[in-house]
Protein backbone atom coordinates (compact mmCIF):
# COMPACT_ATOMS: atom_id res chain seq x y z
CA UNK A 1 111.67 -262.50 -19.71
CA UNK A 2 113.13 -259.44 -21.05
CA UNK A 3 113.01 -257.06 -17.93
CA UNK A 4 114.07 -253.25 -18.54
CA UNK A 5 114.80 -249.94 -16.55
CA UNK A 6 115.22 -246.39 -17.91
CA UNK A 7 115.29 -243.15 -15.98
CA UNK A 8 113.64 -241.06 -18.71
CA UNK A 9 113.86 -237.82 -17.19
CA UNK A 10 110.34 -236.54 -18.12
CA UNK A 11 108.00 -238.68 -19.55
CA UNK A 12 105.91 -235.96 -20.90
CA UNK A 13 109.04 -234.69 -22.88
CA UNK A 14 110.04 -238.07 -24.07
CA UNK A 15 107.04 -240.06 -24.54
CA UNK A 16 107.38 -240.59 -28.28
CA UNK A 17 111.04 -241.96 -27.73
CA UNK A 18 109.94 -244.69 -25.09
CA UNK A 19 107.00 -245.80 -27.44
CA UNK A 20 109.54 -246.28 -30.20
CA UNK A 21 111.65 -247.99 -27.86
CA UNK A 22 109.31 -250.45 -26.62
CA UNK A 23 108.57 -251.16 -30.65
CA UNK A 24 112.00 -252.51 -31.25
CA UNK A 25 113.18 -253.48 -27.97
CA UNK A 26 110.18 -255.46 -26.66
CA UNK A 27 110.75 -255.72 -23.05
CA UNK A 28 108.13 -257.73 -20.97
CA UNK A 29 108.38 -255.19 -18.19
CA UNK A 30 109.90 -251.79 -18.32
CA UNK A 31 110.72 -249.80 -15.21
CA UNK A 32 110.61 -246.23 -15.43
CA UNK A 33 112.37 -243.62 -13.30
CA UNK A 34 111.62 -239.69 -13.26
CA UNK A 35 108.49 -239.72 -14.73
CA UNK A 36 107.93 -236.26 -13.48
CA UNK A 37 104.24 -236.61 -13.85
CA UNK A 38 101.06 -236.63 -11.38
CA UNK A 39 98.93 -240.13 -11.49
CA UNK A 40 96.22 -238.07 -13.53
CA UNK A 41 98.73 -237.29 -16.22
CA UNK A 42 100.20 -240.51 -16.84
CA UNK A 43 99.56 -242.04 -20.64
CA UNK A 44 98.29 -245.33 -19.44
CA UNK A 45 96.15 -245.33 -22.55
CA UNK A 46 99.02 -244.83 -24.70
CA UNK A 47 100.98 -247.98 -23.40
CA UNK A 48 98.00 -250.03 -23.06
CA UNK A 49 97.57 -249.75 -27.04
CA UNK A 50 101.02 -251.07 -27.20
CA UNK A 51 99.87 -254.02 -25.08
CA UNK A 52 101.38 -253.09 -21.58
CA UNK A 53 99.51 -252.71 -18.43
CA UNK A 54 100.99 -249.93 -16.28
CA UNK A 55 101.04 -248.77 -12.82
CA UNK A 56 102.55 -245.17 -11.84
CA UNK A 57 103.22 -243.51 -8.55
CA UNK A 58 104.06 -240.03 -9.31
CA UNK A 59 103.64 -236.50 -7.43
CA UNK A 60 103.75 -234.12 -10.16
CA UNK A 61 107.07 -231.94 -11.21
CA UNK A 62 109.51 -234.33 -9.54
CA UNK A 63 110.42 -237.99 -9.32
CA UNK A 64 107.74 -240.62 -10.49
CA UNK A 65 108.26 -244.05 -11.05
CA UNK A 66 106.19 -246.63 -13.33
CA UNK A 67 105.96 -250.16 -14.06
CA UNK A 68 104.81 -251.36 -17.66
CA UNK A 69 104.18 -255.08 -18.28
CA UNK A 70 102.70 -257.40 -21.29
CA UNK A 71 102.72 -260.27 -19.02
CA UNK A 72 100.46 -259.30 -16.20
CA UNK A 73 100.25 -256.62 -13.20
CA UNK A 74 99.30 -257.84 -9.99
CA UNK A 75 99.76 -256.91 -6.09
CA UNK A 76 100.58 -253.02 -7.09
CA UNK A 77 102.38 -251.34 -3.90
CA UNK A 78 103.49 -247.82 -4.08
CA UNK A 79 106.39 -246.91 -2.06
CA UNK A 80 106.92 -248.69 1.18
CA UNK A 81 103.52 -249.55 2.52
CA UNK A 82 100.99 -248.66 -0.43
CA UNK A 83 100.44 -245.41 1.91
CA UNK A 84 100.69 -241.74 1.05
CA UNK A 85 104.61 -241.00 1.00
CA UNK A 86 105.87 -238.44 3.37
CA UNK A 87 108.24 -235.60 2.09
CA UNK A 88 111.20 -237.68 2.84
CA UNK A 89 110.41 -240.62 0.77
CA UNK A 90 108.34 -239.06 -2.30
CA UNK A 91 107.44 -240.92 -5.22
CA UNK A 92 110.43 -242.84 -5.49
CA UNK A 93 109.36 -246.65 -5.31
CA UNK A 94 106.79 -249.05 -6.88
CA UNK A 95 106.17 -252.93 -6.60
CA UNK A 96 104.47 -255.33 -8.94
CA UNK A 97 104.21 -259.03 -9.44
CA UNK A 98 104.47 -259.79 -13.17
CA UNK A 99 104.16 -263.20 -14.14
CA UNK A 100 105.35 -264.50 -10.78
CA UNK A 101 108.22 -262.33 -10.67
CA UNK A 102 107.86 -259.62 -7.70
CA UNK A 103 109.62 -256.41 -9.50
CA UNK A 104 110.34 -253.02 -7.85
CA UNK A 105 111.45 -249.88 -9.92
CA UNK A 106 113.43 -247.47 -7.57
CA UNK A 107 114.87 -243.88 -8.17
CA UNK A 108 117.35 -243.13 -5.36
CA UNK A 109 117.54 -239.53 -4.14
CA UNK A 110 120.45 -238.05 -5.76
CA UNK A 111 122.25 -236.55 -2.72
CA UNK A 112 123.34 -233.62 -4.13
CA UNK A 113 126.58 -232.61 -2.10
CA UNK A 114 128.34 -235.11 0.48
CA UNK A 115 127.46 -234.14 3.88
CA UNK A 116 124.26 -231.99 2.84
CA UNK A 117 120.86 -232.77 4.04
CA UNK A 118 120.28 -233.82 0.92
CA UNK A 119 123.03 -236.50 0.93
CA UNK A 120 121.93 -237.49 4.80
CA UNK A 121 118.34 -238.05 3.44
CA UNK A 122 119.68 -240.23 0.57
CA UNK A 123 121.47 -242.59 3.06
CA UNK A 124 118.32 -242.53 5.06
CA UNK A 125 116.54 -243.52 2.27
CA UNK A 126 118.82 -246.46 1.20
CA UNK A 127 118.60 -247.79 4.65
CA UNK A 128 114.58 -247.74 4.70
CA UNK A 129 114.92 -249.87 1.47
CA UNK A 130 117.44 -252.11 3.01
CA UNK A 131 115.27 -252.66 5.83
CA UNK A 132 112.13 -253.18 3.77
CA UNK A 133 113.95 -255.78 1.48
CA UNK A 134 115.19 -257.61 4.62
CA UNK A 135 112.27 -257.96 6.42
CA UNK A 136 109.49 -258.03 3.72
CA UNK A 137 111.06 -259.57 1.02
CA UNK A 138 112.33 -263.53 0.25
CA UNK A 139 115.90 -264.03 -0.79
CA UNK A 140 114.92 -267.34 -2.14
CA UNK A 141 112.27 -265.96 -4.21
CA UNK A 142 112.03 -264.40 -7.58
CA UNK A 143 112.39 -260.78 -6.70
CA UNK A 144 114.05 -258.13 -9.23
CA UNK A 145 114.72 -254.53 -7.96
CA UNK A 146 116.12 -252.18 -10.73
CA UNK A 147 116.41 -248.61 -11.38
CA UNK A 148 118.45 -245.39 -11.20
CA UNK A 149 120.41 -246.02 -7.83
CA UNK A 150 122.31 -242.71 -8.21
CA UNK A 151 125.39 -245.10 -6.73
CA UNK A 152 128.28 -246.36 -9.18
CA UNK A 153 129.10 -249.52 -7.22
CA UNK A 154 132.91 -249.74 -7.95
CA UNK A 155 135.37 -247.46 -9.25
CA UNK A 156 135.20 -249.18 -12.39
CA UNK A 157 131.83 -247.96 -13.00
CA UNK A 158 133.53 -244.59 -13.02
CA UNK A 159 134.94 -242.63 -15.64
CA UNK A 160 137.60 -240.64 -13.46
CA UNK A 161 137.84 -241.87 -9.95
CA UNK A 162 140.12 -239.02 -9.19
CA UNK A 163 138.09 -236.52 -10.57
CA UNK A 164 135.02 -237.48 -8.57
CA UNK A 165 136.72 -238.30 -5.45
CA UNK A 166 134.76 -237.49 -2.18
CA UNK A 167 131.60 -236.39 -4.37
CA UNK A 168 128.05 -238.07 -4.22
CA UNK A 169 127.49 -241.28 -6.05
CA UNK A 170 130.73 -242.58 -5.09
CA UNK A 171 131.16 -242.05 -1.74
CA UNK A 172 131.87 -244.90 1.05
CA UNK A 173 128.60 -244.44 2.93
CA UNK A 174 126.69 -244.90 -0.40
CA UNK A 175 128.34 -247.84 -2.05
CA UNK A 176 128.09 -249.46 1.76
CA UNK A 177 124.60 -248.72 1.78
CA UNK A 178 124.04 -250.29 -1.60
CA UNK A 179 126.21 -253.38 -0.54
CA UNK A 180 124.03 -254.01 2.31
CA UNK A 181 121.19 -255.07 0.04
CA UNK A 182 123.14 -256.60 -2.22
CA UNK A 183 124.75 -258.51 0.58
CA UNK A 184 121.42 -259.49 1.81
CA UNK A 185 120.88 -261.72 -0.90
CA UNK A 186 120.89 -259.89 -4.30
CA UNK A 187 123.20 -259.58 -7.10
CA UNK A 188 124.04 -256.95 -9.66
CA UNK A 189 123.02 -258.75 -12.93
CA UNK A 190 124.82 -256.86 -15.11
CA UNK A 191 128.14 -257.77 -13.79
CA UNK A 192 127.56 -261.56 -14.07
CA UNK A 193 127.54 -260.85 -17.43
CA UNK A 194 130.18 -258.37 -18.50
CA UNK A 195 132.97 -257.67 -16.40
CA UNK A 196 134.46 -254.70 -18.46
CA UNK A 197 135.50 -251.05 -17.36
CA UNK A 198 133.94 -247.97 -19.09
CA UNK A 199 130.38 -249.63 -19.40
CA UNK A 200 128.24 -246.53 -18.29
CA UNK A 201 124.50 -245.90 -18.00
CA UNK A 202 124.24 -241.99 -17.50
CA UNK A 203 126.29 -239.01 -19.09
CA UNK A 204 125.79 -235.37 -18.08
CA UNK A 205 124.39 -233.26 -20.82
CA UNK A 206 127.18 -230.84 -20.65
CA UNK A 207 130.55 -230.68 -22.28
CA UNK A 208 130.00 -233.54 -24.73
CA UNK A 209 130.45 -236.14 -21.82
CA UNK A 210 128.29 -238.72 -23.96
CA UNK A 211 130.41 -238.56 -26.83
CA UNK A 212 133.77 -238.23 -24.70
CA UNK A 213 132.87 -241.31 -22.67
CA UNK A 214 132.51 -239.43 -19.60
CA UNK A 215 129.91 -241.61 -17.68
CA UNK A 216 128.66 -243.43 -14.80
CA UNK A 217 127.02 -246.88 -14.23
CA UNK A 218 124.46 -245.90 -11.87
CA UNK A 219 121.44 -247.72 -13.32
CA UNK A 220 121.22 -251.37 -12.15
CA UNK A 221 119.02 -254.50 -12.04
CA UNK A 222 119.65 -256.36 -8.91
CA UNK A 223 117.95 -259.87 -8.36
CA UNK A 224 117.78 -262.75 -6.02
CA UNK A 225 119.84 -265.97 -6.47
CA UNK A 226 117.19 -267.79 -8.13
CA UNK A 227 116.77 -265.00 -10.60
CA UNK A 228 120.21 -263.97 -11.43
CA UNK A 229 121.22 -267.37 -11.87
CA UNK A 230 118.56 -267.34 -14.68
CA UNK A 231 120.14 -264.06 -16.35
CA UNK A 232 121.40 -264.75 -20.01
CA UNK A 233 121.75 -261.50 -21.73
CA UNK A 234 122.17 -257.96 -20.88
CA UNK A 235 122.66 -254.78 -22.56
CA UNK A 236 122.76 -251.05 -22.02
CA UNK A 237 121.25 -249.58 -24.98
CA UNK A 238 123.50 -246.54 -25.91
CA UNK A 239 121.54 -245.83 -29.11
CA UNK A 240 118.57 -244.82 -26.77
CA UNK A 241 120.84 -241.88 -25.41
CA UNK A 242 121.63 -240.78 -29.27
CA UNK A 243 119.37 -238.36 -31.37
CA UNK A 244 117.18 -235.75 -30.49
CA UNK A 245 115.77 -234.96 -27.07
CA UNK A 246 117.28 -237.96 -25.17
CA UNK A 247 117.23 -238.75 -21.56
CA UNK A 248 120.69 -238.37 -20.07
CA UNK A 249 120.60 -242.02 -19.12
CA UNK A 250 120.14 -245.16 -21.06
CA UNK A 251 117.89 -247.99 -20.86
CA UNK A 252 119.42 -251.15 -19.31
CA UNK A 253 118.05 -254.80 -20.29
CA UNK A 254 118.29 -257.95 -18.79
CA UNK A 255 116.67 -261.41 -20.07
CA UNK A 256 116.03 -264.05 -17.89
CA UNK A 257 115.10 -267.72 -18.60
CA UNK A 258 112.19 -268.06 -16.54
């Protein structure tokens, strides 16, 4: 099973690129973040024409997450409880079962600035996700949780640690919040396969950061041990970050031998 995750930074602006990418990358499941669409505007028919069932959780102008699957899409739950999300949680979490694997797509709040109310809300959201996973999920089951985490787990996931010291995405509380989730029983699957530095999934649009290699690895696929042990291959598709009107994120793909 090939599971991919991609923050598309507006699906309306990048639908053609996503359709093209599905054609050559051929994921069985694609988790999307930052669709920036209301549910009524989600292009489900376009994806169905490509062989993918879909579920979307969106609010319109901001956020928005989706799961596309060509191997089944069952038990869909939007948010933490399948009830309307409040303003502190927003449309940032969606679950579905695809061919026996429970999959979640997450779009963690940015946090903006350390010490701000947005930063505090980010930490609270991550803690709520940790509580949900640890109380509602099974660490011995087939579970994959992927998306834009807006946290670089380690210094090697950052182009310049000194430059970003004290900023969001790399602060100790954010990393500790992420580690609390992996510590429950999940693994950063990409790191099981690649141990190298300078492997990034996001680059700022400004100042030629992509071409200069100034990026962050903030898009992650986390999996429980039974799934992580079945990971055979992974790739950050930098080619999808090139060309006309790309997202500032590249897709991350992982193959599991299930």
